Amino acid sequence: MPRDKPPTGSLYPRESMVCFFLFVVELAAVWSMVALIYNTFVVYLPTSREKEEGMLLDPVMCQTTRYVESNECSWWSCMEWCLSSTQPPDSCIHIFTSVRNHGSTIKLNDCDDAHIRECAVLDMDDPMAEFIYDCKADFVCQSLTGIFKCEDPYQPGVEDYQKQRGGSCKNITQMYECSVGNYSEEVYNCGQRKADCLDLEGLFECDNGACREMTEFHCERRCKDIACDKSIIIQSADRIFLGDCASVENNSTESIIWENDEINTLLANCLTIELDADNPENTSYIATDCINGTLLHKADLPKKVNYTKLRELFTSDLGYENRISDGNASNIPFDVDIIIYNETKLKMNHEGCSNTLSEECTKFHREYGKDGRNYTSPSRFPCYYTTKHGDFVAAFLDLDYSHYVFLIMLLVPLIVFIFSCFFCFFCSFMIIVDEQGHMHLRGCYDWFRKPPTEYEKWAKQHQRKKEKREREEMKRRKDHEDWVQQCKEELERRKELNQLQDDSIQPDSMETQTLKDIDIHIY
């Protein structure tokens, strides 16, 4: 019967399980310790400072006043990755805002011939918008028609000396109309000569690819024919409500603010305006955070205006003179009467940074950085401030959520660290190393070996028989050595005895001693 081959794999396959368990335990200990150290600067300390700042939990209203790209980066409105704030960047964005109390929430009753006019708006900060034409590409700008604002293309993460200049033209015809006083003499014919349009920068009026730069011009929002013959005109960003309503009341107190007298027109600026969901006839509207309520004679108003002229009506001194507010929110107060800070810094949160690494600051700057330039609506949003100082306000504040994140980020790594340390001490007691350098659990040596093969069983039995033969041979040799020693001792004893007899007996009577007188058992 042929013998089995000796095993070639590890005789201790379960030893890898012990190694893997040790690796997981030590990895968990290291990870949890690193997490505790990292969270100290990212979660624990910022959360503590946020609570100590004393931000009021009830939000107020903010409106962006300035959007500034600055090289003085002692502070910033939002920065990706809070740990990078230890080394200020070379450039940053500063957003400033005015802070005031909430306006009124009003209800427009029994509105007839009411509608909401949506004025076209383009997101000029969207680098991937469809109205952007890359004149550096082939056959893109050869038939440009309309008004175009040409500037540098969007190139994130590119050094200034490596950036491409000009050639990215935005079609703003849908949003603006311009009256031009003078053009440049040079004509850039993008249809016939592409090289003329590679570096376009400025405001251009184009006709089928032939573009001329406007040097003297005045542009206004294109939203035309806004009728001013209605009893109520409410502006909500780029939406304008126009309608004849019977009355306006405070939605909270249900007190009447104004009733239609067919003489005056009520103008107000609100954050939102929507149909009243509780009115099945759809003749009532709910408007929130309404300010700058004023009454103007219909006879003094133009019949139709565009968006730009309407903004001038809302911001004119005549509006404040005819205000219907007495300085509180029971009517429709003016913003100057409920102002808290005329201008202060705006930060995304208490730290002015984000750790999500998902371009959250880019979204924040785009949403909260509209300062009303170029006849656009400024950003308007709830914000939080503290009475301890007026240095800045925060756009986001949720202490309950911050406390929840604080506990999760503290307890999870702390529990993992405690358990991993406990298992490290436990393993130092339970895991032993044999003379061959293999690891075993104390008391579980046989469990770590795989079942023996037939050859291993034969080798083990052969080893036992060999050891038995060796023990028997050693016993035989020992018995032989003991017999030889006994023989020597017996010979010595008899020799001494014979010597004594020789000394005591005369020579004539001494008998000759032979070997048969010696009684020795030979084995």
Protein backbone atom coordinates (compact mmCIF):
# COMPACT_ATOMS: atom_id res chain seq x y z
CA MET A 1 0.00 0.00 0.00
CA PRO A 2 1.60 3.30 -1.08
CA ARG A 3 2.14 5.88 1.58
CA ASP A 4 0.41 9.29 1.55
CA LYS A 5 2.54 12.27 0.61
CA PRO A 6 3.50 14.58 3.44
CA PRO A 7 1.12 17.58 3.78
CA THR A 8 2.22 20.67 1.84
CA GLY A 9 -0.21 23.26 3.35
CA SER A 10 -0.16 24.89 6.72
CA LEU A 11 -0.58 22.51 9.62
CA TYR A 12 -2.37 25.36 11.43
CA PRO A 13 -5.05 26.74 9.06
CA ARG A 14 -7.07 28.27 11.88
CA GLU A 15 -4.05 30.29 12.94
CA SER A 16 -4.95 32.77 10.18
CA MET A 17 -8.28 33.36 11.93
CA VAL A 18 -6.45 34.41 15.06
CA CYS A 19 -4.18 36.69 13.02
CA PHE A 20 -7.18 38.24 11.26
CA PHE A 21 -9.00 38.77 14.55
CA LEU A 22 -5.93 40.48 16.02
CA PHE A 23 -5.65 42.64 12.92
CA VAL A 24 -9.30 43.73 13.15
CA VAL A 25 -9.02 44.51 16.86
CA GLU A 26 -5.86 46.55 16.46
CA LEU A 27 -7.24 48.31 13.39
CA ALA A 28 -10.39 49.23 15.31
CA ALA A 29 -8.30 50.59 18.18
CA VAL A 30 -6.18 52.73 15.88
CA TRP A 31 -9.16 53.90 13.81
CA SER A 32 -11.19 54.90 16.85
CA MET A 33 -8.27 56.79 18.37
CA VAL A 34 -7.67 58.68 15.12
CA ALA A 35 -11.40 59.41 14.86
CA LEU A 36 -11.47 60.83 18.38
CA ILE A 37 -8.51 63.10 17.65
CA TYR A 38 -9.93 64.19 14.28
CA ASN A 39 -13.43 64.80 15.62
CA THR A 40 -12.01 66.98 18.36
CA PHE A 41 -11.21 69.69 15.80
CA VAL A 42 -14.02 68.99 13.34
CA VAL A 43 -16.99 68.28 15.62
CA TYR A 44 -16.37 68.63 19.35
CA LEU A 45 -14.74 72.07 19.52
CA PRO A 46 -16.93 73.70 16.81
CA THR A 47 -20.10 72.39 18.46
CA SER A 48 -18.99 73.73 21.82
CA ARG A 49 -18.17 77.14 20.35
CA GLU A 50 -21.52 77.17 18.52
CA LYS A 51 -23.37 76.66 21.81
CA GLU A 52 -21.26 79.24 23.63
CA GLU A 53 -21.92 81.81 20.88
CA GLY A 54 -25.51 82.18 22.08
CA MET A 55 -27.24 82.22 18.70
CA LEU A 56 -30.95 82.88 19.02
CA LEU A 57 -33.00 79.88 17.92
CA ASP A 58 -35.74 81.97 16.29
CA PRO A 59 -34.58 83.06 12.84
CA VAL A 60 -34.78 86.57 11.46
CA MET A 61 -34.66 87.67 7.83
CA CYS A 62 -31.56 88.56 5.86
CA GLN A 63 -31.10 90.10 2.44
CA THR A 64 -27.79 90.06 0.59
CA THR A 65 -26.33 93.51 0.04
CA ARG A 66 -22.83 92.79 -1.32
CA TYR A 67 -20.97 89.92 -2.95
CA VAL A 68 -17.22 90.52 -2.92
CA GLU A 69 -14.36 88.40 -4.25
CA SER A 70 -11.42 89.42 -2.07
CA ASN A 71 -7.77 88.66 -1.48
CA GLU A 72 -8.03 89.74 2.18
CA CYS A 73 -9.01 86.39 3.67
CA SER A 74 -9.08 87.01 7.38
CA TRP A 75 -12.64 85.65 7.17
CA TRP A 76 -14.86 84.04 4.54
CA SER A 77 -18.52 83.23 4.07
CA CYS A 78 -17.94 79.59 3.22
CA MET A 79 -14.91 77.36 2.72
CA GLU A 80 -14.66 73.70 1.84
CA TRP A 81 -12.97 71.57 4.52
CA CYS A 82 -12.87 73.27 7.91
CA LEU A 83 -9.35 72.05 8.77
CA SER A 84 -7.98 74.13 5.89
CA SER A 85 -9.03 77.30 7.75
CA THR A 86 -5.78 77.12 9.71
CA GLN A 87 -4.06 78.23 6.49
CA PRO A 88 -6.15 81.02 4.87
CA PRO A 89 -6.52 80.83 1.08
CA ASP A 90 -5.19 83.38 -1.38
CA SER A 91 -8.70 84.39 -2.45
CA CYS A 92 -12.12 84.05 -0.87
CA ILE A 93 -15.70 85.27 -1.13
CA HIS A 94 -17.26 87.78 1.29
CA ILE A 95 -21.04 88.05 1.42
CA PHE A 96 -22.62 90.92 3.34
CA THR A 97 -26.25 91.07 4.34
CA SER A 98 -28.79 93.27 6.07
CA VAL A 99 -30.64 91.81 9.06
CA ARG A 100 -34.18 92.64 10.10
CA ASN A 101 -37.17 91.19 11.87
CA HIS A 102 -39.86 89.28 10.01
CA GLY A 103 -42.42 91.10 7.96
CA SER A 104 -46.12 90.36 7.92
CA THR A 105 -47.90 87.28 6.63
CA ILE A 106 -50.92 88.62 4.82
CA LYS A 107 -54.00 87.19 3.15
CA LEU A 108 -55.47 88.67 -0.02
CA ASN A 109 -59.24 88.17 -0.07
CA ASP A 110 -61.70 87.95 -2.97
CA CYS A 111 -59.20 88.57 -5.72
CA ASP A 112 -60.54 89.04 -9.22
CA ASP A 113 -58.59 88.93 -12.48
CA ALA A 114 -55.47 87.94 -10.53
CA HIS A 115 -52.41 86.31 -11.97
CA ILE A 116 -48.72 85.95 -11.25
CA ARG A 117 -46.31 87.23 -13.87
CA GLU A 118 -43.09 85.22 -14.18
CA CYS A 119 -40.19 87.31 -15.43
CA ALA A 120 -37.49 85.43 -17.31
CA VAL A 121 -34.31 84.94 -15.32
CA LEU A 122 -30.99 83.39 -16.26
CA ASP A 123 -28.62 81.83 -13.78
CA MET A 124 -25.50 83.71 -14.78
CA ASP A 125 -23.40 81.73 -12.31
CA ASP A 126 -24.18 78.36 -13.88
CA PRO A 127 -21.05 77.41 -15.85
CA MET A 128 -22.87 74.66 -17.77
CA ALA A 129 -25.96 76.65 -18.83
CA GLU A 130 -27.37 76.15 -22.31
CA PHE A 131 -27.15 79.87 -23.13
CA ILE A 132 -23.32 79.84 -22.94
CA TYR A 133 -21.47 79.61 -26.25
CA ASP A 134 -17.82 78.55 -26.39
CA CYS A 135 -16.39 80.47 -29.31
CA LYS A 136 -13.13 78.53 -29.11
CA ALA A 137 -14.97 75.46 -30.39
CA ASP A 138 -15.70 74.90 -34.06
CA PHE A 139 -18.99 76.02 -35.63
CA VAL A 140 -20.46 77.32 -32.34
CA CYS A 141 -20.44 81.10 -32.73
CA GLN A 142 -20.74 81.42 -36.51
CA SER A 143 -24.41 82.48 -36.32
CA LEU A 144 -24.68 84.40 -33.05
CA THR A 145 -27.70 86.71 -32.92
CA GLY A 146 -28.72 88.89 -29.98
CA ILE A 147 -26.96 90.46 -27.00
CA PHE A 148 -24.03 88.52 -25.58
CA LYS A 149 -21.87 89.02 -22.53
CA CYS A 150 -18.46 87.52 -23.31
CA GLU A 151 -15.94 86.70 -20.58
CA ASP A 152 -13.39 84.13 -19.48
CA PRO A 153 -14.60 80.51 -19.54
CA TYR A 154 -15.19 78.55 -16.34
CA GLN A 155 -11.87 76.99 -15.35
CA PRO A 156 -11.89 75.68 -11.77
CA GLY A 157 -8.57 74.76 -10.21
CA VAL A 158 -6.48 76.39 -12.99
CA GLU A 159 -3.76 78.88 -12.12
CA ASP A 160 -4.29 82.43 -13.38
CA TYR A 161 -1.31 82.33 -15.72
CA GLN A 162 -2.66 79.12 -17.32
CA LYS A 163 -6.27 80.25 -17.77
CA GLN A 164 -7.76 80.87 -21.19
CA ARG A 165 -8.97 84.40 -21.76
CA GLY A 166 -12.32 85.36 -23.27
CA GLY A 167 -14.36 83.48 -25.79
CA SER A 168 -17.19 82.33 -23.48
CA CYS A 169 -20.30 84.27 -24.53
CA LYS A 170 -23.60 84.23 -22.65
CA ASN A 171 -26.79 85.00 -24.54
CA ILE A 172 -28.63 87.47 -22.28
CA THR A 173 -31.19 88.52 -24.89
CA GLN A 174 -33.96 86.68 -23.07
CA MET A 175 -33.33 88.62 -19.86
CA TYR A 176 -32.18 92.09 -20.93
CA GLU A 177 -32.91 94.66 -23.56
CA CYS A 178 -30.36 97.38 -24.22
CA SER A 179 -30.43 100.80 -25.82
CA VAL A 180 -27.03 101.44 -27.40
CA GLY A 181 -25.50 104.87 -27.79
CA ASN A 182 -22.28 103.91 -29.48
CA TYR A 183 -20.47 100.84 -30.86
CA SER A 184 -16.83 100.07 -31.39
CA GLU A 185 -15.54 100.48 -34.94
CA GLU A 186 -14.20 96.95 -35.20
CA VAL A 187 -16.59 94.21 -36.33
CA TYR A 188 -15.90 90.63 -35.23
CA ASN A 189 -17.21 88.29 -37.91
CA CYS A 190 -17.43 84.92 -36.17
CA GLY A 191 -19.10 83.30 -39.14
CA GLN A 192 -16.31 83.97 -41.62
CA ARG A 193 -13.25 84.23 -39.38
CA LYS A 194 -13.23 82.15 -36.20
CA ALA A 195 -9.98 83.74 -34.96
CA ASP A 196 -11.79 87.06 -34.46
CA CYS A 197 -14.01 85.57 -31.76
CA LEU A 198 -11.56 83.43 -29.78
CA ASP A 199 -10.84 86.15 -27.18
CA LEU A 200 -14.07 88.15 -27.07
CA GLU A 201 -14.53 90.07 -23.80
CA GLY A 202 -17.26 92.61 -23.10
CA LEU A 203 -20.88 93.22 -24.11
CA PHE A 204 -21.62 92.58 -27.77
CA GLU A 205 -24.59 92.88 -30.08
CA CYS A 206 -24.45 90.21 -32.78
CA ASP A 207 -26.33 89.62 -36.00
CA ASN A 208 -25.81 86.28 -37.74
CA GLY A 209 -22.26 85.95 -36.43
CA ALA A 210 -21.18 89.58 -36.97
CA CYS A 211 -20.60 91.11 -33.52
CA ARG A 212 -19.90 94.69 -32.44
CA GLU A 213 -18.93 95.72 -28.93
CA MET A 214 -21.29 98.14 -27.19
CA THR A 215 -19.33 101.00 -25.62
CA GLU A 216 -22.23 103.25 -24.55
CA PHE A 217 -25.41 101.47 -23.54
CA HIS A 218 -28.19 101.16 -20.99
CA CYS A 219 -29.76 97.77 -20.29
CA GLU A 220 -32.96 96.92 -18.46
CA ARG A 221 -34.80 93.73 -17.60
CA ARG A 222 -36.84 92.51 -20.51
CA CYS A 223 -39.99 91.78 -18.44
CA LYS A 224 -42.37 94.25 -20.17
CA ASP A 225 -45.99 95.36 -20.04
CA ILE A 226 -46.57 95.01 -16.31
CA ALA A 227 -49.98 96.61 -15.84
CA CYS A 228 -50.29 99.09 -12.97
CA ASP A 229 -54.08 99.42 -13.11
CA LYS A 230 -54.64 96.69 -10.51
CA SER A 231 -55.48 97.33 -6.88
CA ILE A 232 -52.61 95.18 -5.58
CA ILE A 233 -49.10 94.70 -6.94
CA ILE A 234 -46.82 92.37 -4.96
CA GLN A 235 -43.27 91.60 -5.96
CA SER A 236 -41.75 88.28 -4.90
CA ALA A 237 -38.25 88.02 -6.35
CA ASP A 238 -38.82 87.60 -10.12
CA ARG A 239 -42.54 86.87 -9.69
CA ILE A 240 -45.08 89.68 -9.72
CA PHE A 241 -48.64 89.33 -8.45
CA LEU A 242 -51.25 91.52 -10.15
CA GLY A 243 -54.90 91.52 -9.13
CA ASP A 244 -57.99 93.36 -7.90
CA CYS A 245 -58.65 92.16 -4.33
CA ALA A 246 -61.34 93.27 -1.92
CA SER A 247 -59.16 93.45 1.17
CA VAL A 248 -55.86 92.54 2.77
CA GLU A 249 -55.72 91.13 6.29
CA ASN A 250 -53.08 89.94 8.71
CA ASN A 251 -53.14 86.17 8.47
CA SER A 252 -52.25 85.71 12.14
CA THR A 253 -54.53 88.24 13.83
CA GLU A 254 -57.16 88.37 11.03
CA SER A 255 -57.22 92.13 11.41
CA ILE A 256 -57.91 94.13 8.26
CA ILE A 257 -54.86 96.00 6.98
CA TRP A 258 -56.38 97.57 3.88
CA GLU A 259 -59.63 97.57 1.93
CA ASN A 260 -59.97 98.33 -1.74
CA ASP A 261 -61.11 101.92 -2.27
CA GLU A 262 -60.74 101.92 -6.09
CA ILE A 263 -58.42 104.93 -5.71
CA ASN A 264 -55.12 103.59 -4.43
CA THR A 265 -52.92 100.68 -5.37
CA LEU A 266 -51.23 98.65 -2.66
CA LEU A 267 -47.59 97.79 -3.33
CA ALA A 268 -45.61 95.34 -1.20
CA ASN A 269 -42.55 93.15 -1.40
CA CYS A 270 -43.01 89.59 -0.13
CA LEU A 271 -40.85 86.51 0.14
CA THR A 272 -43.48 84.13 -1.28
CA ILE A 273 -47.04 84.36 -2.57
CA GLU A 274 -49.20 81.33 -3.29
CA LEU A 275 -52.86 80.39 -3.54
CA ASP A 276 -54.64 79.82 -0.25
CA ALA A 277 -54.98 76.05 0.09
CA ASP A 278 -58.03 76.47 2.37
CA ASN A 279 -59.96 78.44 -0.23
CA PRO A 280 -61.68 76.09 -2.70
CA GLU A 281 -62.68 79.00 -4.94
CA ASN A 282 -59.04 79.99 -5.53
CA THR A 283 -59.75 83.67 -4.90
CA SER A 284 -57.44 84.10 -1.91
CA TYR A 285 -53.67 84.25 -1.73
CA ILE A 286 -51.22 83.94 1.15
CA ALA A 287 -48.05 86.06 1.09
CA THR A 288 -45.25 85.66 3.64
CA ASP A 289 -42.69 88.09 5.03
CA CYS A 290 -44.24 91.13 3.40
CA ILE A 291 -42.49 94.49 3.82
CA ASN A 292 -42.51 97.97 2.32
CA GLY A 293 -46.30 98.23 2.14
CA THR A 294 -47.28 101.51 0.50
CA LEU A 295 -50.31 103.10 -1.12
CA LEU A 296 -49.95 105.03 -4.38
CA HIS A 297 -52.69 106.77 -6.36
CA LYS A 298 -53.63 104.84 -9.47
CA ALA A 299 -53.80 108.08 -11.40
CA ASP A 300 -50.12 108.77 -10.62
CA LEU A 301 -48.94 105.38 -11.80
CA PRO A 302 -48.00 104.63 -15.41
CA LYS A 303 -50.32 102.24 -17.22
CA LYS A 304 -47.56 99.75 -17.99
CA VAL A 305 -43.98 99.39 -16.83
CA ASN A 306 -41.15 96.95 -17.20
CA TYR A 307 -39.38 95.12 -14.39
CA THR A 308 -36.74 97.82 -13.94
CA LYS A 309 -39.26 100.64 -13.62
CA LEU A 310 -41.33 98.59 -11.21
CA ARG A 311 -38.28 98.15 -8.97
CA GLU A 312 -37.83 101.90 -8.99
CA LEU A 313 -41.42 102.34 -7.80
CA PHE A 314 -40.82 99.96 -4.89
CA THR A 315 -37.62 101.71 -3.81
CA SER A 316 -38.67 105.34 -4.33
CA ASP A 317 -38.93 107.84 -1.47
CA LEU A 318 -42.59 108.33 -2.33
CA GLY A 319 -43.24 104.77 -1.20
CA TYR A 320 -41.98 105.38 2.33
CA GLU A 321 -43.94 108.61 2.61
CA ASN A 322 -47.15 106.74 1.85
CA ARG A 323 -46.43 103.67 3.96
CA ILE A 324 -49.29 101.91 5.71
CA SER A 325 -47.21 100.70 8.63
CA ASP A 326 -46.83 102.29 12.03
CA GLY A 327 -43.49 100.55 12.70
CA ASN A 328 -44.72 97.11 13.75
CA ALA A 329 -45.56 93.93 11.93
CA SER A 330 -49.31 94.19 12.45
CA ASN A 331 -49.53 95.97 9.11
CA ILE A 332 -46.88 95.77 6.40
CA PRO A 333 -43.79 97.44 7.89
CA PHE A 334 -40.94 99.02 5.98
CA ASP A 335 -37.60 97.32 6.24
CA VAL A 336 -35.93 100.40 7.71
CA ASP A 337 -38.38 100.32 10.62
CA ILE A 338 -37.62 96.73 11.62
CA ILE A 339 -33.92 96.68 10.83
CA ILE A 340 -31.47 95.00 13.22
CA TYR A 341 -28.19 95.47 11.34
CA ASN A 342 -27.86 97.57 8.22
CA GLU A 343 -25.00 95.38 7.06
CA THR A 344 -22.99 92.57 8.57
CA LYS A 345 -21.04 89.51 7.50
CA LEU A 346 -22.84 86.37 6.38
CA LYS A 347 -21.42 82.93 7.09
CA MET A 348 -22.79 79.58 6.09
CA ASN A 349 -22.64 78.43 9.71
CA HIS A 350 -20.84 79.42 12.87
CA GLU A 351 -17.47 78.27 11.48
CA GLY A 352 -18.10 79.46 7.93
CA CYS A 353 -17.03 76.16 6.41
CA SER A 354 -18.28 72.76 5.24
CA ASN A 355 -16.80 69.28 5.63
CA THR A 356 -18.94 67.44 3.10
CA LEU A 357 -16.53 68.00 0.18
CA SER A 358 -19.56 68.03 -2.14
CA GLU A 359 -19.16 71.63 -3.41
CA GLU A 360 -21.64 72.78 -0.80
CA CYS A 361 -19.94 76.18 -0.64
CA THR A 362 -20.36 76.62 -4.40
CA LYS A 363 -24.09 76.06 -4.00
CA PHE A 364 -24.15 78.40 -1.00
CA HIS A 365 -22.42 81.22 -2.87
CA ARG A 366 -24.75 80.77 -5.84
CA GLU A 367 -27.94 80.79 -3.74
CA TYR A 368 -27.04 83.37 -1.11
CA GLY A 369 -24.64 85.58 -3.09
CA LYS A 370 -27.16 87.41 -5.28
CA ASP A 371 -26.80 91.05 -4.30
CA GLY A 372 -29.31 92.60 -6.74
CA ARG A 373 -26.82 93.81 -9.33
CA ASN A 374 -27.89 94.06 -13.00
CA TYR A 375 -31.55 94.50 -12.03
CA THR A 376 -31.83 91.06 -10.46
CA SER A 377 -33.53 90.14 -7.20
CA PRO A 378 -31.24 89.89 -4.17
CA SER A 379 -31.11 86.73 -2.10
CA ARG A 380 -33.58 86.73 0.80
CA PHE A 381 -33.52 84.04 3.44
CA PRO A 382 -33.89 83.25 7.17
CA CYS A 383 -30.74 83.67 9.25
CA TYR A 384 -29.60 83.53 12.87
CA TYR A 385 -27.82 86.13 14.97
CA THR A 386 -26.63 86.65 18.52
CA THR A 387 -27.18 89.57 20.82
CA LYS A 388 -23.59 89.30 22.08
CA HIS A 389 -22.19 90.94 18.95
CA GLY A 390 -23.12 91.97 15.44
CA ASP A 391 -20.00 90.71 13.72
CA PHE A 392 -21.76 88.08 11.62
CA VAL A 393 -24.94 86.07 11.13
CA ALA A 394 -25.30 82.41 10.18
CA ALA A 395 -27.49 81.07 7.40
CA PHE A 396 -27.83 77.63 9.02
CA LEU A 397 -28.30 76.74 12.67
CA ASP A 398 -29.70 73.55 14.16
CA LEU A 399 -28.44 72.97 17.68
CA ASP A 400 -30.47 69.78 18.09
CA TYR A 401 -28.90 68.26 14.99
CA SER A 402 -25.45 69.50 16.05
CA HIS A 403 -25.97 67.87 19.45
CA TYR A 404 -27.06 64.63 17.77
CA VAL A 405 -23.99 64.60 15.51
CA PHE A 406 -21.81 65.43 18.53
CA LEU A 407 -23.10 62.40 20.45
CA ILE A 408 -22.82 60.04 17.46
CA MET A 409 -19.30 61.15 16.60
CA LEU A 410 -18.28 60.85 20.25
CA LEU A 411 -19.98 57.64 21.36
CA VAL A 412 -19.31 55.46 18.31
CA PRO A 413 -15.50 55.81 18.23
CA LEU A 414 -15.32 55.86 22.03
CA ILE A 415 -17.26 52.57 22.35
CA VAL A 416 -15.19 51.00 19.57
CA PHE A 417 -11.99 52.14 21.28
CA ILE A 418 -13.03 50.74 24.68
CA PHE A 419 -14.09 47.37 23.27
CA SER A 420 -11.01 47.08 21.06
CA CYS A 421 -8.73 47.80 24.04
CA PHE A 422 -10.61 45.23 26.10
CA PHE A 423 -10.15 42.58 23.40
CA CYS A 424 -6.47 43.48 23.09
CA PHE A 425 -5.98 42.69 26.79
CA PHE A 426 -8.17 39.61 26.47
CA CYS A 427 -6.13 38.33 23.51
CA SER A 428 -2.87 38.85 25.37
CA PHE A 429 -4.14 36.34 27.96
CA MET A 430 -5.95 33.86 25.69
CA ILE A 431 -3.50 33.60 22.81
CA ILE A 432 -0.35 31.56 23.40
CA VAL A 433 2.62 30.80 21.13
CA ASP A 434 4.08 27.29 21.02
CA GLU A 435 7.74 26.35 20.64
CA GLN A 436 7.42 26.35 16.87
CA GLY A 437 6.08 29.93 16.82
CA HIS A 438 2.45 29.06 16.08
CA MET A 439 -0.44 30.84 17.80
CA HIS A 440 -3.20 28.98 19.63
CA LEU A 441 -6.01 29.76 21.98
CA ARG A 442 -5.32 28.65 25.47
CA GLY A 443 -6.83 25.16 25.97
CA CYS A 444 -7.74 24.77 22.29
CA TYR A 445 -4.53 23.37 20.77
CA ASP A 446 -6.13 20.44 18.93
CA TRP A 447 -8.81 22.68 17.45
CA PHE A 448 -6.21 24.58 15.49
CA ARG A 449 -4.92 21.52 13.60
CA LYS A 450 -6.67 20.03 10.64
CA PRO A 451 -7.60 16.28 10.70
CA PRO A 452 -4.48 14.11 10.16
CA THR A 453 -3.96 12.13 6.94
CA GLU A 454 -3.38 8.35 6.75
CA TYR A 455 0.32 8.96 6.38
CA GLU A 456 0.37 11.20 9.44
CA LYS A 457 -1.51 8.54 11.42
CA TRP A 458 1.02 5.85 10.31
CA ALA A 459 3.95 8.15 11.08
CA LYS A 460 2.57 8.85 14.52
CA GLN A 461 2.03 5.12 15.25
CA HIS A 462 5.50 4.30 13.89
CA GLN A 463 6.97 6.96 16.14
CA ARG A 464 5.25 5.47 19.17
CA LYS A 465 6.61 1.96 18.36
CA LYS A 466 10.07 3.38 17.78
CA GLU A 467 9.98 5.18 21.10
CA LYS A 468 8.80 1.93 22.78
CA ARG A 469 11.71 -0.04 21.28
CA GLU A 470 14.12 2.63 22.39
CA ARG A 471 12.75 2.49 25.93
CA GLU A 472 13.09 -1.34 26.01
CA GLU A 473 16.64 -1.16 24.66
CA MET A 474 17.56 1.40 27.25
CA LYS A 475 16.07 -0.84 29.99
CA ARG A 476 18.05 -3.89 28.73
CA ARG A 477 21.28 -1.93 28.69
CA LYS A 478 20.62 -0.67 32.15
CA ASP A 479 19.95 -4.21 33.44
CA HIS A 480 23.18 -5.43 31.80
CA GLU A 481 25.17 -2.65 33.39
CA ASP A 482 23.63 -3.49 36.77
CA TRP A 483 24.59 -7.22 36.34
CA VAL A 484 28.18 -6.35 35.40
CA GLN A 485 28.41 -4.13 38.43
CA GLN A 486 27.06 -6.90 40.68
CA CYS A 487 29.62 -9.33 39.24
CA LYS A 488 32.43 -6.97 39.97
CA GLU A 489 31.22 -6.43 43.48
CA GLU A 490 30.87 -10.20 44.10
CA LEU A 491 34.36 -10.89 42.80
CA GLU A 492 35.79 -8.21 45.00
CA ARG A 493 33.94 -9.57 48.01
CA ARG A 494 35.14 -13.14 47.45
CA LYS A 495 38.64 -11.98 46.79
CA GLU A 496 38.69 -10.21 50.09
CA LEU A 497 37.23 -13.29 51.80
CA ASN A 498 39.86 -15.61 50.33
CA GLN A 499 42.58 -13.27 51.40
CA LEU A 500 41.36 -13.42 54.97
CA GLN A 501 41.27 -17.22 54.87
CA ASP A 502 44.81 -17.43 53.51
CA ASP A 503 46.07 -15.35 56.33
CA SER A 504 44.47 -17.60 59.00
CA ILE A 505 45.25 -21.13 57.59
CA GLN A 506 48.68 -22.78 57.38
CA PRO A 507 50.16 -23.42 54.03
CA ASP A 508 50.15 -27.21 54.41
CA SER A 509 46.49 -27.32 55.00
CA MET A 510 45.52 -24.79 52.28
CA GLU A 511 43.63 -26.29 49.51
CA THR A 512 43.77 -25.18 46.02
CA GLN A 513 40.73 -23.00 45.04
CA THR A 514 39.12 -23.68 41.67
CA LEU A 515 36.54 -21.94 39.57
CA LYS A 516 33.84 -24.31 40.61
CA ASP A 517 34.04 -22.83 44.04
CA ILE A 518 32.77 -19.52 42.58
CA ASP A 519 29.03 -19.45 42.24
CA ILE A 520 28.27 -16.84 39.60
CA HIS A 521 25.00 -16.74 37.63
CA ILE A 522 25.63 -15.80 34.08
CA TYR A 523 22.73 -14.24 32.24
